[in-house]
Amino acid sequence: MQLSEITFETGRPVDGYGPNFFRVAGEVFEGKLAILPGSCGPWAGFDDPSPFVDAAKDLDVVFVGTGAQIAHIPPNFRATLEGAGIGVEIMNSPTACRTYNILLSEGRRIGLALIPV
């Protein structure tokens, strides 16, 4: 039985989240998380834009989930990603996860930087 009308041809959708964790394609990750085309794993946070810059050729935009509430991100993090040709969209983490899943189902070139709720 299919519970969702959304199908994912590529990528790993976010299945759930909670206090200090995210579940991505059935796998649970604790703490901050970077989801990129072809990879998913722990992320050091705003001081480390390298996972996204290294994947710049495969990304058009990175959604940044700032936790339970929307918050400002460090200007240098945004500038580094934009300097690599990557768009940056900031929202709270639940909204970032939902938006990511929808665009992933459309086959878009997206990444996700997540701070837990």
PDB file of N, CA and C in Angstrom:
ATOM      1  N   MET A   1       0.840  -1.176   0.000  1.00  0.00           N
ATOM      2  CA  MET A   1       0.000   0.000   0.000  1.00  0.00           C
ATOM      3  C   MET A   1       0.886   1.240   0.000  1.00  0.00           C
ATOM      4  N   GLN A   2       0.622   2.131  -0.915  1.00  0.00           N
ATOM      5  CA  GLN A   2       1.379   3.369  -1.021  1.00  0.00           C
ATOM      6  C   GLN A   2       0.696   4.434  -0.186  1.00  0.00           C
ATOM      7  N   LEU A   3       1.459   5.021   0.741  1.00  0.00           N
ATOM      8  CA  LEU A   3       0.887   6.027   1.634  1.00  0.00           C
ATOM      9  C   LEU A   3       1.048   7.441   1.117  1.00  0.00           C
ATOM     10  N   SER A   4       1.905   7.613   0.135  1.00  0.00           N
ATOM     11  CA  SER A   4       2.164   8.943  -0.403  1.00  0.00           C
ATOM     12  C   SER A   4       2.078   8.902  -1.920  1.00  0.00           C
ATOM     13  N   GLU A   5       1.593   9.967  -2.507  1.00  0.00           N
ATOM     14  CA  GLU A   5       1.543  10.052  -3.962  1.00  0.00           C
ATOM     15  C   GLU A   5       2.882  10.468  -4.548  1.00  0.00           C
ATOM     16  N   ILE A   6       3.801  10.916  -3.711  1.00  0.00           N
ATOM     17  CA  ILE A   6       5.100  11.363  -4.190  1.00  0.00           C
ATOM     18  C   ILE A   6       6.006  10.153  -4.378  1.00  0.00           C
ATOM     19  N   THR A   7       6.676  10.105  -5.524  1.00  0.00           N
ATOM     20  CA  THR A   7       7.672   9.074  -5.762  1.00  0.00           C
ATOM     21  C   THR A   7       9.021   9.755  -5.972  1.00  0.00           C
ATOM     22  N   PHE A   8      10.077   9.046  -5.631  1.00  0.00           N
ATOM     23  CA  PHE A   8      11.422   9.607  -5.716  1.00  0.00           C
ATOM     24  C   PHE A   8      12.247   8.733  -6.647  1.00  0.00           C
ATOM     25  N   GLU A   9      12.551   9.261  -7.827  1.00  0.00           N
ATOM     26  CA  GLU A   9      13.367   8.524  -8.796  1.00  0.00           C
ATOM     27  C   GLU A   9      14.832   8.512  -8.366  1.00  0.00           C
ATOM     28  N   THR A  10      15.286   9.605  -7.777  1.00  0.00           N
ATOM     29  CA  THR A  10      16.664   9.707  -7.306  1.00  0.00           C
ATOM     30  C   THR A  10      16.660  10.390  -5.947  1.00  0.00           C
ATOM     31  N   GLY A  11      17.771  10.345  -5.272  1.00  0.00           N
ATOM     32  CA  GLY A  11      17.917  11.058  -4.011  1.00  0.00           C
ATOM     33  C   GLY A  11      17.326  10.308  -2.832  1.00  0.00           C
ATOM     34  N   ARG A  12      17.487  10.918  -1.672  1.00  0.00           N
ATOM     35  CA  ARG A  12      17.039  10.317  -0.423  1.00  0.00           C
ATOM     36  C   ARG A  12      16.097  11.284   0.278  1.00  0.00           C
ATOM     37  N   PRO A  13      14.797  10.965   0.355  1.00  0.00           N
ATOM     38  CA  PRO A  13      13.850  11.871   1.011  1.00  0.00           C
ATOM     39  C   PRO A  13      13.993  11.857   2.521  1.00  0.00           C
ATOM     40  N   VAL A  14      13.583  12.937   3.144  1.00  0.00           N
ATOM     41  CA  VAL A  14      13.540  13.025   4.603  1.00  0.00           C
ATOM     42  C   VAL A  14      12.215  12.411   5.041  1.00  0.00           C
ATOM     43  N   ASP A  15      12.309  11.324   5.810  1.00  0.00           N
ATOM     44  CA  ASP A  15      11.119  10.603   6.274  1.00  0.00           C
ATOM     45  C   ASP A  15      10.564  11.151   7.581  1.00  0.00           C
ATOM     46  N   GLY A  16      11.422  11.765   8.389  1.00  0.00           N
ATOM     47  CA  GLY A  16      10.973  12.262   9.679  1.00  0.00           C
ATOM     48  C   GLY A  16      12.074  13.014  10.394  1.00  0.00           C
ATOM     49  N   TYR A  17      11.703  13.640  11.502  1.00  0.00           N
ATOM     50  CA  TYR A  17      12.660  14.400  12.309  1.00  0.00           C
ATOM     51  C   TYR A  17      12.086  14.516  13.710  1.00  0.00           C
ATOM     52  N   GLY A  18      12.956  14.820  14.643  1.00  0.00           N
ATOM     53  CA  GLY A  18      12.555  15.005  16.026  1.00  0.00           C
ATOM     54  C   GLY A  18      13.693  15.644  16.787  1.00  0.00           C
ATOM     55  N   PRO A  19      13.610  15.633  18.116  1.00  0.00           N
ATOM     56  CA  PRO A  19      14.664  16.262  18.908  1.00  0.00           C
ATOM     57  C   PRO A  19      16.032  15.648  18.609  1.00  0.00           C
ATOM     58  N   ASN A  20      16.868  16.399  17.951  1.00  0.00           N
ATOM     59  CA  ASN A  20      18.255  16.061  17.625  1.00  0.00           C
ATOM     60  C   ASN A  20      18.414  14.899  16.644  1.00  0.00           C
ATOM     61  N   PHE A  21      17.409  14.602  15.817  1.00  0.00           N
ATOM     62  CA  PHE A  21      17.601  13.557  14.809  1.00  0.00           C
ATOM     63  C   PHE A  21      16.786  13.855  13.548  1.00  0.00           C
ATOM     64  N   PHE A  22      17.250  13.229  12.462  1.00  0.00           N
ATOM     65  CA  PHE A  22      16.535  13.224  11.194  1.00  0.00           C
ATOM     66  C   PHE A  22      16.538  11.792  10.681  1.00  0.00           C
ATOM     67  N   ARG A  23      15.462  11.376  10.037  1.00  0.00           N
ATOM     68  CA  ARG A  23      15.403  10.067   9.398  1.00  0.00           C
ATOM     69  C   ARG A  23      15.334  10.307   7.894  1.00  0.00           C
ATOM     70  N   VAL A  24      16.346   9.809   7.192  1.00  0.00           N
ATOM     71  CA  VAL A  24      16.479  10.024   5.757  1.00  0.00           C
ATOM     72  C   VAL A  24      16.500   8.663   5.067  1.00  0.00           C
ATOM     73  N   ALA A  25      15.523   8.433   4.219  1.00  0.00           N
ATOM     74  CA  ALA A  25      15.399   7.159   3.492  1.00  0.00           C
ATOM     75  C   ALA A  25      15.506   5.977   4.458  1.00  0.00           C
ATOM     76  N   GLY A  26      14.875   6.115   5.626  1.00  0.00           N
ATOM     77  CA  GLY A  26      14.841   5.048   6.610  1.00  0.00           C
ATOM     78  C   GLY A  26      16.024   4.984   7.555  1.00  0.00           C
ATOM     79  N   GLU A  27      17.063   5.784   7.319  1.00  0.00           N
ATOM     80  CA  GLU A  27      18.260   5.783   8.161  1.00  0.00           C
ATOM     81  C   GLU A  27      18.224   6.985   9.111  1.00  0.00           C
ATOM     82  N   VAL A  28      18.532   6.751  10.391  1.00  0.00           N
ATOM     83  CA  VAL A  28      18.492   7.808  11.392  1.00  0.00           C
ATOM     84  C   VAL A  28      19.870   8.444  11.543  1.00  0.00           C
ATOM     85  N   PHE A  29      19.884   9.779  11.533  1.00  0.00           N
ATOM     86  CA  PHE A  29      21.098  10.570  11.727  1.00  0.00           C
ATOM     87  C   PHE A  29      20.866  11.511  12.900  1.00  0.00           C
ATOM     88  N   GLU A  30      21.821  11.587  13.804  1.00  0.00           N
ATOM     89  CA  GLU A  30      21.723  12.518  14.925  1.00  0.00           C
ATOM     90  C   GLU A  30      22.533  13.767  14.637  1.00  0.00           C
ATOM     91  N   GLY A  31      22.050  14.899  15.123  1.00  0.00           N
ATOM     92  CA  GLY A  31      22.774  16.159  14.991  1.00  0.00           C
ATOM     93  C   GLY A  31      22.585  16.823  13.647  1.00  0.00           C
ATOM     94  N   LYS A  32      23.488  17.739  13.331  1.00  0.00           N
ATOM     95  CA  LYS A  32      23.431  18.503  12.085  1.00  0.00           C
ATOM     96  C   LYS A  32      23.674  17.566  10.910  1.00  0.00           C
ATOM     97  N   LEU A  33      23.028  17.886   9.790  1.00  0.00           N
ATOM     98  CA  LEU A  33      23.054  16.964   8.654  1.00  0.00           C
ATOM     99  C   LEU A  33      23.170  17.709   7.331  1.00  0.00           C
ATOM    100  N   ALA A  34      23.974  17.154   6.433  1.00  0.00           N
ATOM    101  CA  ALA A  34      24.083  17.655   5.061  1.00  0.00           C
ATOM    102  C   ALA A  34      23.567  16.575   4.124  1.00  0.00           C
ATOM    103  N   ILE A  35      22.578  16.925   3.314  1.00  0.00           N
ATOM    104  CA  ILE A  35      22.055  16.005   2.311  1.00  0.00           C
ATOM    105  C   ILE A  35      22.364  16.601   0.949  1.00  0.00           C
ATOM    106  N   LEU A  36      23.087  15.830   0.157  1.00  0.00           N
ATOM    107  CA  LEU A  36      23.540  16.278  -1.152  1.00  0.00           C
ATOM    108  C   LEU A  36      23.184  15.232  -2.197  1.00  0.00           C
ATOM    109  N   PRO A  37      23.210  15.591  -3.466  1.00  0.00           N
ATOM    110  CA  PRO A  37      23.009  14.559  -4.481  1.00  0.00           C
ATOM    111  C   PRO A  37      24.077  13.470  -4.323  1.00  0.00           C
ATOM    112  N   GLY A  38      23.651  12.283  -4.019  1.00  0.00           N
ATOM    113  CA  GLY A  38      24.585  11.167  -3.888  1.00  0.00           C
ATOM    114  C   GLY A  38      25.164  10.935  -2.516  1.00  0.00           C
ATOM    115  N   SER A  39      24.870  11.794  -1.529  1.00  0.00           N
ATOM    116  CA  SER A  39      25.427  11.563  -0.193  1.00  0.00           C
ATOM    117  C   SER A  39      24.565  12.200   0.887  1.00  0.00           C
ATOM    118  N   CYS A  40      24.749  11.693   2.079  1.00  0.00           N
ATOM    119  CA  CYS A  40      24.033  12.206   3.244  1.00  0.00           C
ATOM    120  C   CYS A  40      24.875  11.865   4.462  1.00  0.00           C
ATOM    121  N   GLY A  41      25.116  12.845   5.313  1.00  0.00           N
ATOM    122  CA  GLY A  41      25.905  12.554   6.497  1.00  0.00           C
ATOM    123  C   GLY A  41      26.028  13.733   7.435  1.00  0.00           C
ATOM    124  N   PRO A  42      26.737  13.526   8.535  1.00  0.00           N
ATOM    125  CA  PRO A  42      26.922  14.582   9.525  1.00  0.00           C
ATOM    126  C   PRO A  42      27.555  15.823   8.896  1.00  0.00           C
ATOM    127  N   TRP A  43      27.184  16.953   9.450  1.00  0.00           N
ATOM    128  CA  TRP A  43      27.683  18.237   8.968  1.00  0.00           C
ATOM    129  C   TRP A  43      28.175  19.031  10.172  1.00  0.00           C
ATOM    130  N   ALA A  44      29.312  19.696  10.033  1.00  0.00           N
ATOM    131  CA  ALA A  44      29.909  20.447  11.134  1.00  0.00           C
ATOM    132  C   ALA A  44      29.196  21.759  11.424  1.00  0.00           C
ATOM    133  N   GLY A  45      28.318  22.204  10.556  1.00  0.00           N
ATOM    134  CA  GLY A  45      27.589  23.447  10.779  1.00  0.00           C
ATOM    135  C   GLY A  45      28.086  24.574   9.901  1.00  0.00           C
ATOM    136  N   PHE A  46      27.675  25.777  10.249  1.00  0.00           N
ATOM    137  CA  PHE A  46      27.917  26.941   9.401  1.00  0.00           C
ATOM    138  C   PHE A  46      29.386  27.272   9.199  1.00  0.00           C
ATOM    139  N   ASP A  47      30.259  26.761  10.058  1.00  0.00           N
ATOM    140  CA  ASP A  47      31.692  26.983   9.861  1.00  0.00           C
ATOM    141  C   ASP A  47      32.265  26.092   8.761  1.00  0.00           C
ATOM    142  N   ASP A  48      31.458  25.173   8.223  1.00  0.00           N
ATOM    143  CA  ASP A  48      31.939  24.230   7.224  1.00  0.00           C
ATOM    144  C   ASP A  48      31.028  24.187   5.987  1.00  0.00           C
ATOM    145  N   PRO A  49      31.219  25.130   5.066  1.00  0.00           N
ATOM    146  CA  PRO A  49      30.432  25.105   3.836  1.00  0.00           C
ATOM    147  C   PRO A  49      30.967  24.105   2.808  1.00  0.00           C
ATOM    148  N   SER A  50      32.105  23.450   3.093  1.00  0.00           N
ATOM    149  CA  SER A  50      32.784  22.626   2.089  1.00  0.00           C
ATOM    150  C   SER A  50      31.939  21.497   1.498  1.00  0.00           C
ATOM    151  N   PRO A  51      31.071  20.798   2.252  1.00  0.00           N
ATOM    152  CA  PRO A  51      30.297  19.742   1.582  1.00  0.00           C
ATOM    153  C   PRO A  51      29.452  20.283   0.431  1.00  0.00           C
ATOM    154  N   PHE A  52      28.931  21.469   0.595  1.00  0.00           N
ATOM    155  CA  PHE A  52      28.069  22.070  -0.426  1.00  0.00           C
ATOM    156  C   PHE A  52      28.888  22.657  -1.567  1.00  0.00           C
ATOM    157  N   VAL A  53      29.978  23.328  -1.243  1.00  0.00           N
ATOM    158  CA  VAL A  53      30.853  23.894  -2.271  1.00  0.00           C
ATOM    159  C   VAL A  53      31.452  22.770  -3.121  1.00  0.00           C
ATOM    160  N   ASP A  54      31.846  21.671  -2.479  1.00  0.00           N
ATOM    161  CA  ASP A  54      32.412  20.539  -3.217  1.00  0.00           C
ATOM    162  C   ASP A  54      31.408  19.920  -4.183  1.00  0.00           C
ATOM    163  N   ALA A  55      30.123  20.057  -3.895  1.00  0.00           N
ATOM    164  CA  ALA A  55      29.066  19.498  -4.750  1.00  0.00           C
ATOM    165  C   ALA A  55      28.424  20.559  -5.641  1.00  0.00           C
ATOM    166  N   ALA A  56      29.033  21.730  -5.752  1.00  0.00           N
ATOM    167  CA  ALA A  56      28.420  22.863  -6.461  1.00  0.00           C
ATOM    168  C   ALA A  56      28.016  22.528  -7.889  1.00  0.00           C
ATOM    169  N   LYS A  57      28.767  21.698  -8.570  1.00  0.00           N
ATOM    170  CA  LYS A  57      28.430  21.372  -9.959  1.00  0.00           C
ATOM    171  C   LYS A  57      27.122  20.592 -10.064  1.00  0.00           C
ATOM    172  N   ASP A  58      26.664  20.006  -8.957  1.00  0.00           N
ATOM    173  CA  ASP A  58      25.434  19.217  -8.938  1.00  0.00           C
ATOM    174  C   ASP A  58      24.271  19.917  -8.244  1.00  0.00           C
ATOM    175  N   LEU A  59      24.482  21.177  -7.812  1.00  0.00           N
ATOM    176  CA  LEU A  59      23.469  21.886  -7.028  1.00  0.00           C
ATOM    177  C   LEU A  59      23.061  23.200  -7.676  1.00  0.00           C
ATOM    178  N   ASP A  60      21.773  23.485  -7.586  1.00  0.00           N
ATOM    179  CA  ASP A  60      21.279  24.806  -7.949  1.00  0.00           C
ATOM    180  C   ASP A  60      20.957  25.611  -6.693  1.00  0.00           C
ATOM    181  N   VAL A  61      20.457  24.922  -5.664  1.00  0.00           N
ATOM    182  CA  VAL A  61      20.054  25.603  -4.432  1.00  0.00           C
ATOM    183  C   VAL A  61      20.251  24.667  -3.246  1.00  0.00           C
ATOM    184  N   VAL A  62      20.551  25.272  -2.099  1.00  0.00           N
ATOM    185  CA  VAL A  62      20.610  24.561  -0.828  1.00  0.00           C
ATOM    186  C   VAL A  62      19.565  25.182   0.089  1.00  0.00           C
ATOM    187  N   PHE A  63      18.699  24.338   0.620  1.00  0.00           N
ATOM    188  CA  PHE A  63      17.749  24.775   1.635  1.00  0.00           C
ATOM    189  C   PHE A  63      18.438  24.632   2.981  1.00  0.00           C
ATOM    190  N   VAL A  64      18.406  25.692   3.770  1.00  0.00           N
ATOM    191  CA  VAL A  64      19.035  25.687   5.087  1.00  0.00           C
ATOM    192  C   VAL A  64      17.940  25.683   6.140  1.00  0.00           C
ATOM    193  N   GLY A  65      17.851  24.570   6.872  1.00  0.00           N
ATOM    194  CA  GLY A  65      16.901  24.459   7.967  1.00  0.00           C
ATOM    195  C   GLY A  65      17.586  24.878   9.253  1.00  0.00           C
ATOM    196  N   THR A  66      17.108  25.941   9.876  1.00  0.00           N
ATOM    197  CA  THR A  66      17.784  26.549  11.020  1.00  0.00           C
ATOM    198  C   THR A  66      17.254  26.069  12.375  1.00  0.00           C
ATOM    199  N   GLY A  67      16.621  24.909  12.411  1.00  0.00           N
ATOM    200  CA  GLY A  67      16.083  24.385  13.669  1.00  0.00           C
ATOM    201  C   GLY A  67      14.582  24.605  13.743  1.00  0.00           C
ATOM    202  N   ALA A  68      14.066  24.673  14.957  1.00  0.00           N
ATOM    203  CA  ALA A  68      12.621  24.806  15.159  1.00  0.00           C
ATOM    204  C   ALA A  68      12.085  26.150  14.659  1.00  0.00           C
ATOM    205  N   GLN A  69      12.921  27.173  14.697  1.00  0.00           N
ATOM    206  CA  GLN A  69      12.524  28.515  14.275  1.00  0.00           C
ATOM    207  C   GLN A  69      13.429  28.989  13.148  1.00  0.00           C
ATOM    208  N   ILE A  70      12.900  29.830  12.281  1.00  0.00           N
ATOM    209  CA  ILE A  70      13.736  30.432  11.257  1.00  0.00           C
ATOM    210  C   ILE A  70      14.699  31.400  11.940  1.00  0.00           C
ATOM    211  N   ALA A  71      15.931  31.415  11.481  1.00  0.00           N
ATOM    212  CA  ALA A  71      16.949  32.270  12.091  1.00  0.00           C
ATOM    213  C   ALA A  71      17.918  32.742  11.009  1.00  0.00           C
ATOM    214  N   HIS A  72      18.656  33.788  11.303  1.00  0.00           N
ATOM    215  CA  HIS A  72      19.683  34.269  10.391  1.00  0.00           C
ATOM    216  C   HIS A  72      20.824  33.260  10.344  1.00  0.00           C
ATOM    217  N   ILE A  73      21.471  33.183   9.193  1.00  0.00           N
ATOM    218  CA  ILE A  73      22.666  32.361   9.081  1.00  0.00           C
ATOM    219  C   ILE A  73      23.869  33.299   8.963  1.00  0.00           C
ATOM    220  N   PRO A  74      25.063  32.811   9.274  1.00  0.00           N
ATOM    221  CA  PRO A  74      26.241  33.674   9.158  1.00  0.00           C
ATOM    222  C   PRO A  74      26.423  34.167   7.717  1.00  0.00           C
ATOM    223  N   PRO A  75      26.693  35.453   7.553  1.00  0.00           N
ATOM    224  CA  PRO A  75      26.846  36.008   6.200  1.00  0.00           C
ATOM    225  C   PRO A  75      27.935  35.310   5.387  1.00  0.00           C
ATOM    226  N   ASN A  76      29.008  34.873   6.042  1.00  0.00           N
ATOM    227  CA  ASN A  76      30.094  34.235   5.291  1.00  0.00           C
ATOM    228  C   ASN A  76      29.675  32.869   4.737  1.00  0.00           C
ATOM    229  N   PHE A  77      28.788  32.148   5.434  1.00  0.00           N
ATOM    230  CA  PHE A  77      28.280  30.866   4.922  1.00  0.00           C
ATOM    231  C   PHE A  77      27.486  31.111   3.636  1.00  0.00           C
ATOM    232  N   ARG A  78      26.573  32.078   3.693  1.00  0.00           N
ATOM    233  CA  ARG A  78      25.769  32.421   2.509  1.00  0.00           C
ATOM    234  C   ARG A  78      26.675  32.887   1.372  1.00  0.00           C
ATOM    235  N   ALA A  79      27.606  33.777   1.662  1.00  0.00           N
ATOM    236  CA  ALA A  79      28.482  34.329   0.626  1.00  0.00           C
ATOM    237  C   ALA A  79      29.327  33.247  -0.036  1.00  0.00           C
ATOM    238  N   THR A  80      29.799  32.293   0.742  1.00  0.00           N
ATOM    239  CA  THR A  80      30.610  31.207   0.187  1.00  0.00           C
ATOM    240  C   THR A  80      29.800  30.352  -0.770  1.00  0.00           C
ATOM    241  N   LEU A  81      28.575  29.984  -0.373  1.00  0.00           N
ATOM    242  CA  LEU A  81      27.732  29.178  -1.257  1.00  0.00           C
ATOM    243  C   LEU A  81      27.341  29.963  -2.513  1.00  0.00           C
ATOM    244  N   GLU A  82      26.930  31.196  -2.329  1.00  0.00           N
ATOM    245  CA  GLU A  82      26.541  31.998  -3.489  1.00  0.00           C
ATOM    246  C   GLU A  82      27.735  32.244  -4.406  1.00  0.00           C
ATOM    247  N   GLY A  83      28.921  32.405  -3.827  1.00  0.00           N
ATOM    248  CA  GLY A  83      30.133  32.571  -4.626  1.00  0.00           C
ATOM    249  C   GLY A  83      30.449  31.338  -5.468  1.00  0.00           C
ATOM    250  N   ALA A  84      29.978  30.172  -5.018  1.00  0.00           N
ATOM    251  CA  ALA A  84      30.162  28.926  -5.764  1.00  0.00           C
ATOM    252  C   ALA A  84      29.019  28.688  -6.755  1.00  0.00           C
ATOM    253  N   GLY A  85      28.106  29.667  -6.857  1.00  0.00           N
ATOM    254  CA  GLY A  85      27.000  29.555  -7.797  1.00  0.00           C
ATOM    255  C   GLY A  85      25.794  28.798  -7.266  1.00  0.00           C
ATOM    256  N   ILE A  86      25.700  28.660  -5.945  1.00  0.00           N
ATOM    257  CA  ILE A  86      24.601  27.922  -5.311  1.00  0.00           C
ATOM    258  C   ILE A  86      23.644  28.919  -4.664  1.00  0.00           C
ATOM    259  N   GLY A  87      22.366  28.800  -4.964  1.00  0.00           N
ATOM    260  CA  GLY A  87      21.358  29.613  -4.292  1.00  0.00           C
ATOM    261  C   GLY A  87      21.166  29.121  -2.866  1.00  0.00           C
ATOM    262  N   VAL A  88      20.766  30.021  -1.984  1.00  0.00           N
ATOM    263  CA  VAL A  88      20.564  29.689  -0.572  1.00  0.00           C
ATOM    264  C   VAL A  88      19.169  30.148  -0.154  1.00  0.00           C
ATOM    265  N   GLU A  89      18.393  29.230   0.396  1.00  0.00           N
ATOM    266  CA  GLU A  89      17.059  29.537   0.907  1.00  0.00           C
ATOM    267  C   GLU A  89      16.996  29.130   2.374  1.00  0.00           C
ATOM    268  N   ILE A  90      16.606  30.065   3.237  1.00  0.00           N
ATOM    269  CA  ILE A  90      16.584  29.822   4.681  1.00  0.00           C
ATOM    270  C   ILE A  90      15.145  29.644   5.149  1.00  0.00           C
ATOM    271  N   MET A  91      14.946  28.638   5.995  1.00  0.00           N
ATOM    272  CA  MET A  91      13.632  28.380   6.596  1.00  0.00           C
ATOM    273  C   MET A  91      13.832  27.527   7.837  1.00  0.00           C
ATOM    274  N   ASN A  92      12.786  27.296   8.604  1.00  0.00           N
ATOM    275  CA  ASN A  92      12.962  26.398   9.746  1.00  0.00           C
ATOM    276  C   ASN A  92      13.136  24.977   9.204  1.00  0.00           C
ATOM    277  N   SER A  93      13.671  24.079  10.028  1.00  0.00           N
ATOM    278  CA  SER A  93      14.002  22.735   9.552  1.00  0.00           C
ATOM    279  C   SER A  93      12.800  21.928   9.076  1.00  0.00           C
ATOM    280  N   PRO A  94      11.648  21.940   9.782  1.00  0.00           N
ATOM    281  CA  PRO A  94      10.505  21.198   9.256  1.00  0.00           C
ATOM    282  C   PRO A  94      10.082  21.650   7.859  1.00  0.00           C
ATOM    283  N   THR A  95      10.050  22.952   7.631  1.00  0.00           N
ATOM    284  CA  THR A  95       9.684  23.478   6.318  1.00  0.00           C
ATOM    285  C   THR A  95      10.740  23.128   5.276  1.00  0.00           C
ATOM    286  N   ALA A  96      12.003  23.201   5.663  1.00  0.00           N
ATOM    287  CA  ALA A  96      13.082  22.848   4.742  1.00  0.00           C
ATOM    288  C   ALA A  96      12.965  21.388   4.303  1.00  0.00           C
ATOM    289  N   CYS A  97      12.645  20.503   5.234  1.00  0.00           N
ATOM    290  CA  CYS A  97      12.491  19.081   4.902  1.00  0.00           C
ATOM    291  C   CYS A  97      11.343  18.865   3.924  1.00  0.00           C
ATOM    292  N   ARG A  98      10.213  19.488   4.180  1.00  0.00           N
ATOM    293  CA  ARG A  98       9.055  19.328   3.289  1.00  0.00           C
ATOM    294  C   ARG A  98       9.350  19.883   1.899  1.00  0.00           C
ATOM    295  N   THR A  99       9.936  21.071   1.847  1.00  0.00           N
ATOM    296  CA  THR A  99      10.249  21.698   0.564  1.00  0.00           C
ATOM    297  C   THR A  99      11.261  20.858  -0.212  1.00  0.00           C
ATOM    298  N   TYR A 100      12.276  20.376   0.485  1.00  0.00           N
ATOM    299  CA  TYR A 100      13.281  19.512  -0.134  1.00  0.00           C
ATOM    300  C   TYR A 100      12.618  18.279  -0.757  1.00  0.00           C
ATOM    301  N   ASN A 101      11.739  17.614  -0.004  1.00  0.00           N
ATOM    302  CA  ASN A 101      11.094  16.404  -0.515  1.00  0.00           C
ATOM    303  C   ASN A 101      10.279  16.668  -1.775  1.00  0.00           C
ATOM    304  N   ILE A 102       9.565  17.780  -1.791  1.00  0.00           N
ATOM    305  CA  ILE A 102       8.748  18.102  -2.973  1.00  0.00           C
ATOM    306  C   ILE A 102       9.643  18.334  -4.189  1.00  0.00           C
ATOM    307  N   LEU A 103      10.678  19.133  -4.017  1.00  0.00           N
ATOM    308  CA  LEU A 103      11.549  19.419  -5.157  1.00  0.00           C
ATOM    309  C   LEU A 103      12.376  18.202  -5.552  1.00  0.00           C
ATOM    310  N   LEU A 104      12.728  17.353  -4.590  1.00  0.00           N
ATOM    311  CA  LEU A 104      13.429  16.109  -4.896  1.00  0.00           C
ATOM    312  C   LEU A 104      12.554  15.217  -5.781  1.00  0.00           C
ATOM    313  N   SER A 105      11.257  15.172  -5.489  1.00  0.00           N
ATOM    314  CA  SER A 105      10.343  14.358  -6.296  1.00  0.00           C
ATOM    315  C   SER A 105      10.233  14.876  -7.721  1.00  0.00           C
ATOM    316  N   GLU A 106      10.565  16.146  -7.925  1.00  0.00           N
ATOM    317  CA  GLU A 106      10.552  16.745  -9.260  1.00  0.00           C
ATOM    318  C   GLU A 106      11.890  16.581  -9.975  1.00  0.00           C
ATOM    319  N   GLY A 107      12.861  15.951  -9.292  1.00  0.00           N
ATOM    320  CA  GLY A 107      14.170  15.736  -9.903  1.00  0.00           C
ATOM    321  C   GLY A 107      15.065  16.953  -9.907  1.00  0.00           C
ATOM    322  N   ARG A 108      14.800  17.908  -9.034  1.00  0.00           N
ATOM    323  CA  ARG A 108      15.582  19.156  -8.996  1.00  0.00           C
ATOM    324  C   ARG A 108      16.964  18.927  -8.391  1.00  0.00           C
ATOM    325  N   ARG A 109      17.895  19.824  -8.697  1.00  0.00           N
ATOM    326  CA  ARG A 109      19.289  19.750  -8.224  1.00  0.00           C
ATOM    327  C   ARG A 109      19.398  20.533  -6.911  1.00  0.00           C
ATOM    328  N   ILE A 110      19.122  19.860  -5.797  1.00  0.00           N
ATOM    329  CA  ILE A 110      19.010  20.539  -4.514  1.00  0.00           C
ATOM    330  C   ILE A 110      19.845  19.854  -3.445  1.00  0.00           C
ATOM    331  N   GLY A 111      20.158  20.624  -2.416  1.00  0.00           N
ATOM    332  CA  GLY A 111      20.823  20.109  -1.239  1.00  0.00           C
ATOM    333  C   GLY A 111      20.103  20.625  -0.004  1.00  0.00           C
ATOM    334  N   LEU A 112      20.454  20.050   1.125  1.00  0.00           N
ATOM    335  CA  LEU A 112      19.777  20.397   2.376  1.00  0.00           C
ATOM    336  C   LEU A 112      20.797  20.452   3.504  1.00  0.00           C
ATOM    337  N   ALA A 113      20.851  21.578   4.195  1.00  0.00           N
ATOM    338  CA  ALA A 113      21.680  21.763   5.378  1.00  0.00           C
ATOM    339  C   ALA A 113      20.736  21.884   6.563  1.00  0.00           C
ATOM    340  N   LEU A 114      20.842  20.960   7.518  1.00  0.00           N
ATOM    341  CA  LEU A 114      19.851  20.907   8.599  1.00  0.00           C
ATOM    342  C   LEU A 114      20.454  21.040   9.981  1.00  0.00           C
ATOM    343  N   ILE A 115      19.823  21.898  10.784  1.00  0.00           N
ATOM    344  CA  ILE A 115      20.066  21.990  12.203  1.00  0.00           C
ATOM    345  C   ILE A 115      18.859  21.317  12.864  1.00  0.00           C
ATOM    346  N   PRO A 116      19.071  20.412  13.821  1.00  0.00           N
ATOM    347  CA  PRO A 116      17.925  19.703  14.416  1.00  0.00           C
ATOM    348  C   PRO A 116      16.964  20.627  15.154  1.00  0.00           C
ATOM    349  N   VAL A 117      15.734  20.154  15.288  1.00  0.00           N
ATOM    350  CA  VAL A 117      14.718  20.877  16.052  1.00  0.00           C
ATOM    351  C   VAL A 117      14.893  20.585  17.525  1.00  0.00           C
TER     352      VAL A 117
END
